[in-house]
Amino acid sequence: MLPDFSETKRLFGRFFQTYARRKARAISPFADAQTRYLHEGRGMKVMRSDESESNTETQRLSSEIQIKFDEIPDLTLEKAVAKYDEMILDIVRKQTGFALQQLSDNIPASQRVDAKGKKLDAEIILEILETIQLEFYPDGRPHELHVIGGLFSPERRKAAGEQFQNSPELQKRRDELMERKREEWRVREASRKLVG
């Protein structure tokens, strides 16, 4: 009978779980987005201030690692981690695809912006800010916006930022829009129904 190194297996299990969680967060396009954990139930319901709703069911996503018998004698920690990296990349792709599909399916038309094939510029950013519901910190700063996709390339975001810097009229429009959005947020917060 082969010995069972239960403590060693437990430590390796913990290491690989922690490694997978951190690596997945580091490479996910949603890494910086705020996370909400679902502790019970099989889905989530989002109710928006415009009274639209969407329901999302949970979905099981999985990936697997295959290690062939003839690979075991030469399986170093580096090779094991490389196999784990393949699995992590696969699961992040599945999570990203699921999240993007849910966003596409559940965002109401009233909160969508179609760039109509144009490149990102200050006008599109103003249209996006006008369309979406913004949240603010108690000190009045807006929450960070997290964007993904080809429209939001670093070069285009930089160019749009320069458009704002070089145009007092665009700056004024953005500042007025943000002040209006801040006031809308204050009204939403003041009219929230508190539990208890």
C-alpha atoms as a PDB file:
ATOM      1  CA  MET A   1       0.000   0.000   0.000  1.00  0.00           C
ATOM      2  CA  LEU A   2       1.296   3.464  -0.928  1.00  0.00           C
ATOM      3  CA  PRO A   3       1.647   6.056   1.827  1.00  0.00           C
ATOM      4  CA  ASP A   4      -0.914   8.859   1.928  1.00  0.00           C
ATOM      5  CA  PHE A   5       0.729  12.231   2.500  1.00  0.00           C
ATOM      6  CA  SER A   6      -2.501  13.965   3.462  1.00  0.00           C
ATOM      7  CA  GLU A   7      -0.894  17.099   4.916  1.00  0.00           C
ATOM      8  CA  THR A   8       1.314  17.546   1.834  1.00  0.00           C
ATOM      9  CA  LYS A   9      -1.702  17.067  -0.460  1.00  0.00           C
ATOM     10  CA  ARG A  10      -3.666  19.598   1.579  1.00  0.00           C
ATOM     11  CA  LEU A  11      -0.849  22.166   1.353  1.00  0.00           C
ATOM     12  CA  PHE A  12      -0.445  21.659  -2.411  1.00  0.00           C
ATOM     13  CA  GLY A  13      -4.223  21.926  -2.805  1.00  0.00           C
ATOM     14  CA  ARG A  14      -4.272  25.227  -0.922  1.00  0.00           C
ATOM     15  CA  PHE A  15      -1.309  26.537  -2.886  1.00  0.00           C
ATOM     16  CA  PHE A  16      -2.917  25.744  -6.246  1.00  0.00           C
ATOM     17  CA  GLN A  17      -6.319  27.145  -5.181  1.00  0.00           C
ATOM     18  CA  THR A  18      -4.748  30.411  -4.044  1.00  0.00           C
ATOM     19  CA  TYR A  19      -2.529  30.552  -7.116  1.00  0.00           C
ATOM     20  CA  ALA A  20      -5.479  29.938  -9.456  1.00  0.00           C
ATOM     21  CA  ARG A  21      -7.631  32.596  -7.777  1.00  0.00           C
ATOM     22  CA  ARG A  22      -4.890  35.245  -7.896  1.00  0.00           C
ATOM     23  CA  LYS A  23      -3.769  34.427 -11.436  1.00  0.00           C
ATOM     24  CA  ALA A  24      -7.359  34.440 -12.734  1.00  0.00           C
ATOM     25  CA  ARG A  25      -8.001  37.841 -11.159  1.00  0.00           C
ATOM     26  CA  ALA A  26      -4.746  39.199 -12.589  1.00  0.00           C
ATOM     27  CA  ILE A  27      -5.546  38.214 -16.195  1.00  0.00           C
ATOM     28  CA  SER A  28      -9.291  38.779 -16.217  1.00  0.00           C
ATOM     29  CA  PRO A  29     -10.560  41.841 -18.102  1.00  0.00           C
ATOM     30  CA  PHE A  30     -12.987  42.261 -15.183  1.00  0.00           C
ATOM     31  CA  ALA A  31     -10.212  42.206 -12.545  1.00  0.00           C
ATOM     32  CA  ASP A  32     -10.747  45.825 -11.498  1.00  0.00           C
ATOM     33  CA  ALA A  33     -14.539  45.678 -11.462  1.00  0.00           C
ATOM     34  CA  GLN A  34     -16.269  45.556  -8.117  1.00  0.00           C
ATOM     35  CA  THR A  35     -17.076  41.978  -7.062  1.00  0.00           C
ATOM     36  CA  ARG A  36     -20.324  40.823  -5.517  1.00  0.00           C
ATOM     37  CA  TYR A  37     -20.526  37.351  -3.988  1.00  0.00           C
ATOM     38  CA  LEU A  38     -23.676  35.275  -4.181  1.00  0.00           C
ATOM     39  CA  HIS A  39     -23.840  33.335  -0.910  1.00  0.00           C
ATOM     40  CA  GLU A  40     -27.145  31.598  -1.492  1.00  0.00           C
ATOM     41  CA  GLY A  41     -29.677  31.123  -4.215  1.00  0.00           C
ATOM     42  CA  ARG A  42     -29.333  30.206  -7.854  1.00  0.00           C
ATOM     43  CA  GLY A  43     -29.399  33.590  -9.482  1.00  0.00           C
ATOM     44  CA  MET A  44     -29.393  37.321  -9.166  1.00  0.00           C
ATOM     45  CA  LYS A  45     -31.974  39.983  -9.878  1.00  0.00           C
ATOM     46  CA  VAL A  46     -30.938  43.517 -10.786  1.00  0.00           C
ATOM     47  CA  MET A  47     -33.514  46.291 -10.363  1.00  0.00           C
ATOM     48  CA  ARG A  48     -32.539  49.614 -11.918  1.00  0.00           C
ATOM     49  CA  SER A  49     -33.679  53.110 -11.098  1.00  0.00           C
ATOM     50  CA  ASP A  50     -35.540  53.259 -14.439  1.00  0.00           C
ATOM     51  CA  GLU A  51     -37.582  50.298 -13.090  1.00  0.00           C
ATOM     52  CA  SER A  52     -36.122  47.835 -15.607  1.00  0.00           C
ATOM     53  CA  GLU A  53     -35.084  44.466 -14.232  1.00  0.00           C
ATOM     54  CA  SER A  54     -32.938  41.553 -15.304  1.00  0.00           C
ATOM     55  CA  ASN A  55     -32.532  38.090 -13.867  1.00  0.00           C
ATOM     56  CA  THR A  56     -29.333  36.121 -14.197  1.00  0.00           C
ATOM     57  CA  GLU A  57     -29.120  32.440 -13.408  1.00  0.00           C
ATOM     58  CA  THR A  58     -25.880  31.016 -12.095  1.00  0.00           C
ATOM     59  CA  GLN A  59     -23.928  28.865 -14.490  1.00  0.00           C
ATOM     60  CA  ARG A  60     -21.360  26.223 -13.677  1.00  0.00           C
ATOM     61  CA  LEU A  61     -18.099  26.834 -15.500  1.00  0.00           C
ATOM     62  CA  SER A  62     -15.339  24.259 -15.366  1.00  0.00           C
ATOM     63  CA  SER A  63     -12.026  23.341 -16.872  1.00  0.00           C
ATOM     64  CA  GLU A  64      -9.761  20.367 -16.433  1.00  0.00           C
ATOM     65  CA  ILE A  65      -6.109  19.418 -16.534  1.00  0.00           C
ATOM     66  CA  GLN A  66      -4.931  16.227 -18.172  1.00  0.00           C
ATOM     67  CA  ILE A  67      -1.683  14.666 -17.071  1.00  0.00           C
ATOM     68  CA  LYS A  68      -0.681  11.514 -18.925  1.00  0.00           C
ATOM     69  CA  PHE A  69       1.061   8.680 -17.100  1.00  0.00           C
ATOM     70  CA  ASP A  70       4.193   9.047 -19.203  1.00  0.00           C
ATOM     71  CA  GLU A  71       4.437  12.753 -18.155  1.00  0.00           C
ATOM     72  CA  ILE A  72       4.495  11.999 -14.423  1.00  0.00           C
ATOM     73  CA  PRO A  73       8.191  11.001 -14.048  1.00  0.00           C
ATOM     74  CA  ASP A  74       9.304  14.333 -15.550  1.00  0.00           C
ATOM     75  CA  LEU A  75       6.573  16.472 -13.961  1.00  0.00           C
ATOM     76  CA  THR A  76       8.353  19.285 -12.140  1.00  0.00           C
ATOM     77  CA  LEU A  77       6.616  22.024 -10.167  1.00  0.00           C
ATOM     78  CA  GLU A  78       7.190  24.411 -13.103  1.00  0.00           C
ATOM     79  CA  LYS A  79       5.516  21.993 -15.524  1.00  0.00           C
ATOM     80  CA  ALA A  80       2.605  21.473 -13.104  1.00  0.00           C
ATOM     81  CA  VAL A  81       2.179  25.239 -12.781  1.00  0.00           C
ATOM     82  CA  ALA A  82       2.285  25.595 -16.598  1.00  0.00           C
ATOM     83  CA  LYS A  83      -0.534  23.037 -16.888  1.00  0.00           C
ATOM     84  CA  TYR A  84      -2.447  24.927 -14.204  1.00  0.00           C
ATOM     85  CA  ASP A  85      -1.911  28.158 -16.148  1.00  0.00           C
ATOM     86  CA  GLU A  86      -3.574  26.581 -19.213  1.00  0.00           C
ATOM     87  CA  MET A  87      -6.572  25.618 -17.078  1.00  0.00           C
ATOM     88  CA  ILE A  88      -6.762  29.096 -15.514  1.00  0.00           C
ATOM     89  CA  LEU A  89      -6.666  30.760 -18.944  1.00  0.00           C
ATOM     90  CA  ASP A  90      -9.454  28.457 -20.140  1.00  0.00           C
ATOM     91  CA  ILE A  91     -11.702  29.238 -17.157  1.00  0.00           C
ATOM     92  CA  VAL A  92     -11.051  33.002 -17.447  1.00  0.00           C
ATOM     93  CA  ARG A  93     -12.037  32.830 -21.146  1.00  0.00           C
ATOM     94  CA  LYS A  94     -15.270  31.054 -20.184  1.00  0.00           C
ATOM     95  CA  GLN A  95     -16.012  33.518 -17.363  1.00  0.00           C
ATOM     96  CA  THR A  96     -15.325  36.490 -19.629  1.00  0.00           C
ATOM     97  CA  GLY A  97     -17.538  35.072 -22.381  1.00  0.00           C
ATOM     98  CA  PHE A  98     -20.348  34.391 -19.888  1.00  0.00           C
ATOM     99  CA  ALA A  99     -20.085  37.871 -18.337  1.00  0.00           C
ATOM    100  CA  LEU A 100     -20.026  39.640 -21.703  1.00  0.00           C
ATOM    101  CA  GLN A 101     -23.017  37.617 -22.904  1.00  0.00           C
ATOM    102  CA  GLN A 102     -24.959  38.459 -19.726  1.00  0.00           C
ATOM    103  CA  LEU A 103     -24.121  42.143 -20.125  1.00  0.00           C
ATOM    104  CA  SER A 104     -25.168  42.058 -23.762  1.00  0.00           C
ATOM    105  CA  ASP A 105     -28.429  40.259 -22.971  1.00  0.00           C
ATOM    106  CA  ASN A 106     -29.411  42.210 -19.851  1.00  0.00           C
ATOM    107  CA  ILE A 107     -28.455  45.837 -20.350  1.00  0.00           C
ATOM    108  CA  PRO A 108     -31.632  47.642 -21.391  1.00  0.00           C
ATOM    109  CA  ALA A 109     -31.694  49.640 -24.616  1.00  0.00           C
ATOM    110  CA  SER A 110     -32.067  52.821 -22.571  1.00  0.00           C
ATOM    111  CA  GLN A 111     -28.553  52.260 -21.184  1.00  0.00           C
ATOM    112  CA  ARG A 112     -26.750  51.307 -24.420  1.00  0.00           C
ATOM    113  CA  VAL A 113     -24.605  53.456 -26.674  1.00  0.00           C
ATOM    114  CA  ASP A 114     -23.879  52.518 -30.285  1.00  0.00           C
ATOM    115  CA  ALA A 115     -20.670  54.113 -31.568  1.00  0.00           C
ATOM    116  CA  LYS A 116     -21.865  53.340 -35.130  1.00  0.00           C
ATOM    117  CA  GLY A 117     -18.391  52.284 -36.227  1.00  0.00           C
ATOM    118  CA  LYS A 118     -16.753  55.542 -35.130  1.00  0.00           C
ATOM    119  CA  LYS A 119     -13.577  55.673 -33.081  1.00  0.00           C
ATOM    120  CA  LEU A 120     -13.781  56.677 -29.433  1.00  0.00           C
ATOM    121  CA  ASP A 121     -13.761  60.442 -29.008  1.00  0.00           C
ATOM    122  CA  ALA A 122     -14.941  63.040 -26.490  1.00  0.00           C
ATOM    123  CA  GLU A 123     -18.474  63.121 -27.964  1.00  0.00           C
ATOM    124  CA  ILE A 124     -18.905  59.360 -27.555  1.00  0.00           C
ATOM    125  CA  ILE A 125     -17.614  59.581 -23.980  1.00  0.00           C
ATOM    126  CA  LEU A 126     -20.151  62.317 -23.221  1.00  0.00           C
ATOM    127  CA  GLU A 127     -22.895  60.162 -24.753  1.00  0.00           C
ATOM    128  CA  ILE A 128     -21.807  57.186 -22.632  1.00  0.00           C
ATOM    129  CA  LEU A 129     -21.743  59.289 -19.456  1.00  0.00           C
ATOM    130  CA  GLU A 130     -25.177  60.699 -20.335  1.00  0.00           C
ATOM    131  CA  THR A 131     -26.613  57.217 -20.862  1.00  0.00           C
ATOM    132  CA  ILE A 132     -25.276  55.228 -17.920  1.00  0.00           C
ATOM    133  CA  GLN A 133     -26.172  55.487 -14.255  1.00  0.00           C
ATOM    134  CA  LEU A 134     -23.143  56.707 -12.332  1.00  0.00           C
ATOM    135  CA  GLU A 135     -22.337  55.982  -8.713  1.00  0.00           C
ATOM    136  CA  PHE A 136     -20.335  58.307  -6.478  1.00  0.00           C
ATOM    137  CA  TYR A 137     -18.311  58.055  -3.305  1.00  0.00           C
ATOM    138  CA  PRO A 138     -19.620  59.994  -0.276  1.00  0.00           C
ATOM    139  CA  ASP A 139     -17.076  62.740  -0.950  1.00  0.00           C
ATOM    140  CA  GLY A 140     -18.618  63.298  -4.415  1.00  0.00           C
ATOM    141  CA  ARG A 141     -15.957  61.590  -6.537  1.00  0.00           C
ATOM    142  CA  PRO A 142     -17.407  59.291  -9.220  1.00  0.00           C
ATOM    143  CA  HIS A 143     -16.728  55.574  -8.971  1.00  0.00           C
ATOM    144  CA  GLU A 144     -14.154  54.391 -11.470  1.00  0.00           C
ATOM    145  CA  LEU A 145     -15.527  53.202 -14.786  1.00  0.00           C
ATOM    146  CA  HIS A 146     -14.257  49.885 -16.096  1.00  0.00           C
ATOM    147  CA  VAL A 147     -14.289  49.508 -19.853  1.00  0.00           C
ATOM    148  CA  ILE A 148     -13.259  46.674 -22.149  1.00  0.00           C
ATOM    149  CA  GLY A 149     -13.301  46.171 -25.876  1.00  0.00           C
ATOM    150  CA  GLY A 150     -11.590  47.490 -28.963  1.00  0.00           C
ATOM    151  CA  LEU A 151     -13.379  50.838 -28.819  1.00  0.00           C
ATOM    152  CA  PHE A 152     -11.567  51.635 -25.567  1.00  0.00           C
ATOM    153  CA  SER A 153      -7.955  51.122 -26.669  1.00  0.00           C
ATOM    154  CA  PRO A 154      -5.396  53.071 -24.618  1.00  0.00           C
ATOM    155  CA  GLU A 155      -4.543  55.194 -27.652  1.00  0.00           C
ATOM    156  CA  ARG A 156      -8.173  56.190 -28.258  1.00  0.00           C
ATOM    157  CA  ARG A 157      -8.765  56.892 -24.557  1.00  0.00           C
ATOM    158  CA  LYS A 158      -5.659  59.113 -24.508  1.00  0.00           C
ATOM    159  CA  ALA A 159      -6.791  60.938 -27.670  1.00  0.00           C
ATOM    160  CA  ALA A 160     -10.266  61.516 -26.201  1.00  0.00           C
ATOM    161  CA  GLY A 161      -8.682  62.820 -22.984  1.00  0.00           C
ATOM    162  CA  GLU A 162      -6.618  65.262 -25.028  1.00  0.00           C
ATOM    163  CA  GLN A 163      -9.788  66.448 -26.790  1.00  0.00           C
ATOM    164  CA  PHE A 164     -11.240  67.347 -23.391  1.00  0.00           C
ATOM    165  CA  GLN A 165      -8.014  69.080 -22.318  1.00  0.00           C
ATOM    166  CA  ASN A 166      -7.829  71.143 -25.503  1.00  0.00           C
ATOM    167  CA  SER A 167     -11.471  72.250 -25.582  1.00  0.00           C
ATOM    168  CA  PRO A 168     -12.929  74.442 -22.826  1.00  0.00           C
ATOM    169  CA  GLU A 169     -16.404  73.833 -24.298  1.00  0.00           C
ATOM    170  CA  LEU A 170     -16.036  70.026 -23.971  1.00  0.00           C
ATOM    171  CA  GLN A 171     -14.667  70.451 -20.439  1.00  0.00           C
ATOM    172  CA  LYS A 172     -17.647  72.608 -19.501  1.00  0.00           C
ATOM    173  CA  ARG A 173     -20.134  70.102 -20.968  1.00  0.00           C
ATOM    174  CA  ARG A 174     -18.443  67.229 -19.099  1.00  0.00           C
ATOM    175  CA  ASP A 175     -18.362  69.168 -15.805  1.00  0.00           C
ATOM    176  CA  GLU A 176     -22.058  70.126 -16.103  1.00  0.00           C
ATOM    177  CA  LEU A 177     -22.973  66.536 -16.978  1.00  0.00           C
ATOM    178  CA  MET A 178     -21.039  65.159 -14.009  1.00  0.00           C
ATOM    179  CA  GLU A 179     -22.671  67.678 -11.667  1.00  0.00           C
ATOM    180  CA  ARG A 180     -26.113  66.628 -12.931  1.00  0.00           C
ATOM    181  CA  LYS A 181     -25.199  62.930 -12.524  1.00  0.00           C
ATOM    182  CA  ARG A 182     -23.933  63.646  -8.992  1.00  0.00           C
ATOM    183  CA  GLU A 183     -27.258  65.266  -8.122  1.00  0.00           C
ATOM    184  CA  GLU A 184     -29.192  62.319  -9.611  1.00  0.00           C
ATOM    185  CA  TRP A 185     -27.096  60.018  -7.429  1.00  0.00           C
ATOM    186  CA  ARG A 186     -27.847  62.129  -4.330  1.00  0.00           C
ATOM    187  CA  VAL A 187     -31.579  61.918  -5.067  1.00  0.00           C
ATOM    188  CA  ARG A 188     -31.357  58.118  -5.572  1.00  0.00           C
ATOM    189  CA  GLU A 189     -29.451  57.707  -2.342  1.00  0.00           C
ATOM    190  CA  ALA A 190     -31.886  59.899  -0.395  1.00  0.00           C
ATOM    191  CA  SER A 191     -34.900  57.947  -1.679  1.00  0.00           C
ATOM    192  CA  ARG A 192     -33.443  54.457  -1.105  1.00  0.00           C
ATOM    193  CA  LYS A 193     -35.559  52.098   0.938  1.00  0.00           C
ATOM    194  CA  LEU A 194     -33.463  50.829   3.821  1.00  0.00           C
ATOM    195  CA  VAL A 195     -33.992  47.342   5.207  1.00  0.00           C
ATOM    196  CA  GLY A 196     -34.691  46.934   8.881  1.00  0.00           C
END
